[in-house]
């Protein structure tokens, strides 16, 4: 069992980002891909850049070397911190200067599998309509990742360039994460085939697809609805009136002034209700806001 590590030393260990860890202690393992991004010789899907690391094929990621040892090597947290501290004792690390956050990040899409069988089966097990799944696959909005068969939800900009990718495990591991370089401004969405004055907002891609399925079950054309995922739970400010509009919504509304009505289809839990309250407060002056949490057999 690892010895007790004082909190100040734990914080010191957690300051060691993974790229710095490799550069100082395993430099021969690094492969430079771009000016700011690296992978390793053994694992080209392990990406390190600007203080973060992301191993989307495994469905894990983090900020530091302690995270890496714990999540990929199966080493318990105290021992992981101890390993990093011992490395720092042997050689004082030289830290890399991080790039400014405003630097554009390139999306790194997880490698595509040759078929989508596991992704389809997973989505169908969640109650998603098979026709909707197939059409999303044909439009390259959904695909199956090669190594660990995660289902990947892709978002595009106005020029048709992929800008966002959210990974979701198709097994029981409950992995949920964004691919490196994802821009939530272009999170996963389904857009109406025709011009519309309303949009439907959801926390995640599964929620969105479930609602599309409900539209179809009730005889409505789901293709005529614009549905946008926030790519995660929205966190409002403590003072709700000071909350910011999620970038996915703000970006879409700027480009679509015809929108006048917004349906908030957020969860019925505490987080979903707080998010709904906040968005009502900050958006009701310009839009008609309708609270529409998902319910079984709800009339849409």
Protein backbone atom coordinates (compact mmCIF):
# COMPACT_ATOMS: atom_id res chain seq x y z
CA UNK A 1 0.00 0.00 0.00
CA UNK A 2 1.30 3.45 -0.86
CA UNK A 3 2.31 5.73 1.98
CA UNK A 4 0.32 8.83 2.92
CA UNK A 5 0.99 11.76 0.58
CA UNK A 6 0.36 15.27 1.93
CA UNK A 7 -2.17 17.34 -0.05
CA UNK A 8 0.48 19.86 -1.17
CA UNK A 9 2.54 17.05 -2.74
CA UNK A 10 -0.55 15.62 -4.42
CA UNK A 11 -1.16 19.04 -6.00
CA UNK A 12 2.49 19.16 -7.09
CA UNK A 13 2.16 15.76 -8.79
CA UNK A 14 -1.06 16.83 -10.54
CA UNK A 15 0.73 19.82 -12.07
CA UNK A 16 2.70 17.42 -14.28
CA UNK A 17 0.86 17.28 -17.62
CA UNK A 18 1.33 14.12 -19.68
CA UNK A 19 3.36 15.72 -22.47
CA UNK A 20 5.83 17.14 -19.95
CA UNK A 21 5.99 13.71 -18.30
CA UNK A 22 6.92 11.99 -21.57
CA UNK A 23 9.30 14.74 -22.71
CA UNK A 24 11.27 14.60 -19.48
CA UNK A 25 11.23 10.88 -18.68
CA UNK A 26 10.33 8.98 -21.89
CA UNK A 27 11.39 11.30 -24.75
CA UNK A 28 12.16 8.46 -27.15
CA UNK A 29 8.53 7.33 -26.99
CA UNK A 30 7.16 10.63 -28.35
CA UNK A 31 6.14 11.27 -31.94
CA UNK A 32 5.43 14.85 -33.00
CA UNK A 33 2.35 15.15 -35.24
CA UNK A 34 1.88 18.91 -35.45
CA UNK A 35 3.45 22.02 -33.95
CA UNK A 36 1.66 21.45 -30.65
CA UNK A 37 0.39 17.86 -30.75
CA UNK A 38 2.14 14.58 -29.98
CA UNK A 39 1.34 10.89 -29.83
CA UNK A 40 3.54 7.91 -28.88
CA UNK A 41 5.30 5.30 -31.00
CA UNK A 42 3.22 2.54 -29.49
CA UNK A 43 -0.13 4.33 -29.50
CA UNK A 44 -0.85 6.78 -32.32
CA UNK A 45 -4.38 7.34 -31.01
CA UNK A 46 -3.07 8.78 -27.72
CA UNK A 47 -2.98 12.54 -28.33
CA UNK A 48 -1.22 15.09 -26.11
CA UNK A 49 -1.53 18.83 -26.60
CA UNK A 50 -1.65 22.06 -24.61
CA UNK A 51 -1.78 20.46 -21.16
CA UNK A 52 -4.38 17.80 -22.01
CA UNK A 53 -4.33 14.22 -23.24
CA UNK A 54 -7.05 12.24 -25.00
CA UNK A 55 -7.12 8.55 -25.89
CA UNK A 56 -10.47 8.39 -27.67
CA UNK A 57 -10.07 4.81 -28.88
CA UNK A 58 -10.02 3.81 -25.21
CA UNK A 59 -12.59 6.42 -24.28
CA UNK A 60 -10.42 8.12 -21.65
CA UNK A 61 -8.69 11.45 -21.26
CA UNK A 62 -7.38 13.86 -18.64
CA UNK A 63 -5.18 16.78 -17.70
CA UNK A 64 -2.07 15.23 -16.16
CA UNK A 65 0.26 12.25 -15.83
CA UNK A 66 -1.45 11.07 -12.65
CA UNK A 67 -4.73 10.77 -14.57
CA UNK A 68 -2.92 8.82 -17.29
CA UNK A 69 -1.33 6.28 -14.91
CA UNK A 70 -4.59 5.79 -13.08
CA UNK A 71 -6.91 5.52 -16.10
CA UNK A 72 -4.72 3.59 -18.54
CA UNK A 73 -2.34 1.57 -16.34
CA UNK A 74 -4.83 0.66 -13.63
CA UNK A 75 -2.62 2.12 -10.91
CA UNK A 76 -4.51 3.48 -7.91
CA UNK A 77 -4.40 7.24 -7.36
CA UNK A 78 -1.98 7.40 -4.37
CA UNK A 79 0.55 5.17 -6.13
CA UNK A 80 0.18 7.11 -9.40
CA UNK A 81 0.94 10.36 -7.58
CA UNK A 82 3.88 8.71 -5.84
CA UNK A 83 5.34 7.52 -9.17
CA UNK A 84 5.20 11.04 -10.60
CA UNK A 85 6.74 12.57 -7.46
CA UNK A 86 9.59 10.06 -7.53
CA UNK A 87 10.30 10.96 -11.17
CA UNK A 88 10.43 14.62 -10.20
CA UNK A 89 12.93 13.84 -7.42
CA UNK A 90 15.25 12.06 -9.84
CA UNK A 91 15.05 14.82 -12.44
CA UNK A 92 13.51 18.27 -12.08
CA UNK A 93 11.09 18.53 -15.01
CA UNK A 94 11.22 21.27 -17.62
CA UNK A 95 7.63 22.35 -18.25
CA UNK A 96 6.43 23.26 -21.73
CA UNK A 97 4.82 26.65 -22.20
CA UNK A 98 1.15 26.15 -23.01
CA UNK A 99 -0.37 27.71 -26.11
CA UNK A 100 -2.96 30.44 -25.78
CA UNK A 101 -6.49 29.05 -25.55
CA UNK A 102 -7.58 31.16 -28.48
CA UNK A 103 -5.40 29.08 -30.82
CA UNK A 104 -7.57 27.12 -33.23
CA UNK A 105 -7.68 23.41 -32.47
CA UNK A 106 -7.93 20.84 -35.20
CA UNK A 107 -10.55 18.15 -34.69
CA UNK A 108 -9.09 14.66 -34.52
CA UNK A 109 -11.84 12.26 -35.56
CA UNK A 110 -11.60 8.74 -34.10
CA UNK A 111 -10.77 6.18 -36.76
CA UNK A 112 -13.86 4.77 -38.46
CA UNK A 113 -14.75 1.09 -38.32
CA UNK A 114 -15.63 -0.78 -41.53
CA UNK A 115 -19.16 -1.46 -40.29
CA UNK A 116 -21.60 0.04 -37.78
CA UNK A 117 -23.16 -3.14 -36.34
CA UNK A 118 -22.33 -2.46 -32.68
CA UNK A 119 -23.24 1.22 -32.92
CA UNK A 120 -26.59 0.34 -34.53
CA UNK A 121 -27.36 -2.34 -31.95
CA UNK A 122 -26.50 0.00 -29.10
CA UNK A 123 -28.70 2.81 -30.41
CA UNK A 124 -31.57 0.42 -31.08
CA UNK A 125 -31.21 -0.88 -27.51
CA UNK A 126 -31.75 2.72 -26.37
CA UNK A 127 -35.03 2.79 -28.27
CA UNK A 128 -33.83 4.81 -31.27
CA UNK A 129 -35.72 4.15 -34.51
CA UNK A 130 -33.71 2.10 -37.02
CA UNK A 131 -34.60 4.33 -39.98
CA UNK A 132 -33.38 7.42 -38.11
CA UNK A 133 -30.13 5.65 -37.23
CA UNK A 134 -29.55 4.62 -40.84
CA UNK A 135 -30.22 8.10 -42.23
CA UNK A 136 -27.79 9.62 -39.71
CA UNK A 137 -25.15 7.11 -40.79
CA UNK A 138 -25.74 7.90 -44.47
CA UNK A 139 -25.32 11.61 -43.73
CA UNK A 140 -22.07 10.88 -41.82
CA UNK A 141 -23.59 12.22 -38.61
CA UNK A 142 -23.04 8.91 -36.79
CA UNK A 143 -20.43 6.20 -37.18
CA UNK A 144 -18.71 3.43 -35.22
CA UNK A 145 -15.16 3.95 -33.98
CA UNK A 146 -12.69 1.25 -34.97
CA UNK A 147 -10.76 0.21 -31.85
CA UNK A 148 -13.31 0.17 -29.04
CA UNK A 149 -16.47 0.43 -31.14
CA UNK A 150 -17.72 3.63 -29.49
CA UNK A 151 -20.54 5.34 -31.33
CA UNK A 152 -19.37 8.76 -32.56
CA UNK A 153 -21.76 11.72 -33.04
CA UNK A 154 -20.40 14.33 -35.47
CA UNK A 155 -21.22 18.03 -35.80
CA UNK A 156 -20.43 20.16 -38.87
CA UNK A 157 -19.98 23.85 -39.65
CA UNK A 158 -21.79 25.74 -42.42
CA UNK A 159 -19.21 24.61 -44.99
CA UNK A 160 -19.72 20.93 -44.21
CA UNK A 161 -16.47 20.55 -42.26
CA UNK A 162 -16.52 18.28 -39.21
CA UNK A 163 -15.93 20.41 -36.10
CA UNK A 164 -17.23 18.27 -33.26
CA UNK A 165 -17.23 14.57 -32.34
CA UNK A 166 -18.73 13.08 -29.20
CA UNK A 167 -17.82 9.50 -28.26
CA UNK A 168 -20.21 7.21 -26.39
CA UNK A 169 -19.41 3.64 -25.32
CA UNK A 170 -21.54 0.85 -26.79
CA UNK A 171 -20.82 -1.46 -23.83
CA UNK A 172 -21.46 -1.06 -20.10
CA UNK A 173 -18.48 1.23 -19.41
CA UNK A 174 -20.57 4.45 -19.58
CA UNK A 175 -17.80 6.32 -21.43
CA UNK A 176 -18.85 9.78 -22.58
CA UNK A 177 -16.28 12.21 -23.96
CA UNK A 178 -15.49 14.62 -26.76
CA UNK A 179 -12.75 13.94 -29.30
CA UNK A 180 -9.65 16.13 -29.19
CA UNK A 181 -10.25 19.49 -30.85
CA UNK A 182 -14.05 19.31 -30.62
CA UNK A 183 -15.82 22.64 -30.87
CA UNK A 184 -19.17 22.58 -29.04
CA UNK A 185 -20.26 25.53 -31.12
CA UNK A 186 -20.99 22.90 -33.78
CA UNK A 187 -22.27 20.10 -31.57
CA UNK A 188 -24.34 17.20 -32.93
CA UNK A 189 -27.65 18.31 -34.44
CA UNK A 190 -30.34 17.37 -36.93
CA UNK A 191 -31.54 20.24 -39.11
CA UNK A 192 -34.92 20.69 -40.75
CA UNK A 193 -35.23 20.03 -44.47
CA UNK A 194 -37.25 23.23 -44.68
CA UNK A 195 -36.98 26.68 -43.15
CA UNK A 196 -38.42 26.69 -39.64
CA UNK A 197 -39.06 29.25 -36.91
CA UNK A 198 -38.41 26.89 -33.98
CA UNK A 199 -35.66 24.71 -32.58
CA UNK A 200 -35.54 21.91 -29.98
CA UNK A 201 -32.66 21.82 -27.46
CA UNK A 202 -31.33 18.68 -25.72
CA UNK A 203 -28.52 17.84 -23.31
CA UNK A 204 -27.09 14.96 -25.33
CA UNK A 205 -27.24 13.20 -28.69
CA UNK A 206 -29.15 10.18 -27.31
CA UNK A 207 -31.85 12.49 -25.92
CA UNK A 208 -32.11 14.19 -29.31
CA UNK A 209 -32.44 10.93 -31.23
CA UNK A 210 -34.99 9.62 -28.74
CA UNK A 211 -37.13 12.70 -29.32
CA UNK A 212 -36.80 12.29 -33.09
CA UNK A 213 -38.08 8.75 -32.59
CA UNK A 214 -41.07 10.07 -30.63
CA UNK A 215 -41.88 12.49 -33.42
CA UNK A 216 -41.99 9.58 -35.84
CA UNK A 217 -44.08 7.42 -33.49
CA UNK A 218 -46.66 10.20 -33.28
CA UNK A 219 -46.85 10.48 -37.05
CA UNK A 220 -44.88 13.70 -37.36
CA UNK A 221 -42.00 14.31 -39.77
CA UNK A 222 -38.86 14.31 -37.68
CA UNK A 223 -36.87 15.53 -40.72
CA UNK A 224 -38.78 18.83 -40.52
CA UNK A 225 -37.56 19.54 -36.99
CA UNK A 226 -34.28 21.25 -36.08
CA UNK A 227 -32.86 19.58 -32.98
CA UNK A 228 -29.60 20.64 -31.31
CA UNK A 229 -27.55 18.84 -28.66
CA UNK A 230 -25.61 20.84 -26.06
CA UNK A 231 -23.04 17.99 -25.87
CA UNK A 232 -23.44 17.71 -22.11
CA UNK A 233 -25.22 19.13 -19.10
CA UNK A 234 -25.45 22.93 -19.20
CA UNK A 235 -24.12 24.62 -16.05
CA UNK A 236 -25.78 27.98 -15.35
CA UNK A 237 -24.23 30.66 -13.14
CA UNK A 238 -25.05 30.70 -9.42
CA UNK A 239 -27.03 33.86 -10.10
CA UNK A 240 -29.26 32.52 -12.86
CA UNK A 241 -29.74 35.91 -14.51
CA UNK A 242 -25.96 36.06 -15.09
CA UNK A 243 -25.88 32.77 -17.00
CA UNK A 244 -24.46 32.62 -20.50
CA UNK A 245 -26.25 31.10 -23.47
CA UNK A 246 -24.59 27.79 -24.49
CA UNK A 247 -22.30 28.32 -27.49
CA UNK A 248 -24.16 25.72 -29.59
CA UNK A 249 -27.41 27.68 -29.26
CA UNK A 250 -25.85 31.13 -29.49
CA UNK A 251 -23.96 30.24 -32.67
CA UNK A 252 -27.04 28.74 -34.34
CA UNK A 253 -29.31 31.66 -33.45
CA UNK A 254 -26.84 34.20 -34.86
CA UNK A 255 -26.97 32.44 -38.21
CA UNK A 256 -30.73 31.84 -38.16
CA UNK A 257 -32.61 35.05 -37.31
CA UNK A 258 -35.86 33.40 -38.42
CA UNK A 259 -35.99 31.45 -35.14
CA UNK A 260 -38.63 32.80 -32.75
CA UNK A 261 -39.52 29.78 -30.63
CA UNK A 262 -37.23 27.52 -28.57
CA UNK A 263 -38.28 24.22 -26.99
CA UNK A 264 -36.09 23.29 -24.01
CA UNK A 265 -36.17 19.48 -23.85
CA UNK A 266 -33.80 19.17 -20.89
CA UNK A 267 -33.98 16.48 -18.23
CA UNK A 268 -36.37 16.50 -15.29
CA UNK A 269 -33.57 16.16 -12.73
CA UNK A 270 -32.22 19.06 -10.67
CA UNK A 271 -29.52 19.94 -13.20
CA UNK A 272 -31.99 19.97 -16.07
CA UNK A 273 -34.51 22.08 -14.17
CA UNK A 274 -31.88 24.65 -13.11
CA UNK A 275 -30.62 24.88 -16.69
CA UNK A 276 -34.16 25.42 -17.95
CA UNK A 277 -34.82 28.18 -15.42
CA UNK A 278 -31.59 29.96 -16.36
CA UNK A 279 -32.21 29.80 -20.11
CA UNK A 280 -35.75 31.06 -19.67
CA UNK A 281 -34.42 34.07 -17.78
CA UNK A 282 -31.67 34.99 -20.25
CA UNK A 283 -33.54 34.26 -23.48
CA UNK A 284 -37.20 35.11 -22.91
CA UNK A 285 -36.73 38.73 -23.95
CA UNK A 286 -36.08 37.70 -27.57
CA UNK A 287 -37.67 34.27 -27.93
CA UNK A 288 -40.71 32.32 -26.89
CA UNK A 289 -39.38 29.65 -24.57
CA UNK A 290 -41.31 26.40 -24.03
CA UNK A 291 -40.28 23.96 -21.32
CA UNK A 292 -40.67 20.44 -22.75
CA UNK A 293 -38.85 17.85 -20.62
CA UNK A 294 -38.95 14.32 -22.05
CA UNK A 295 -41.86 12.24 -20.81
CA UNK A 296 -43.14 8.84 -21.77
CA UNK A 297 -45.80 8.93 -24.46
CA UNK A 298 -45.89 12.71 -24.40
CA UNK A 299 -47.97 14.50 -27.03
CA UNK A 300 -45.45 16.49 -29.11
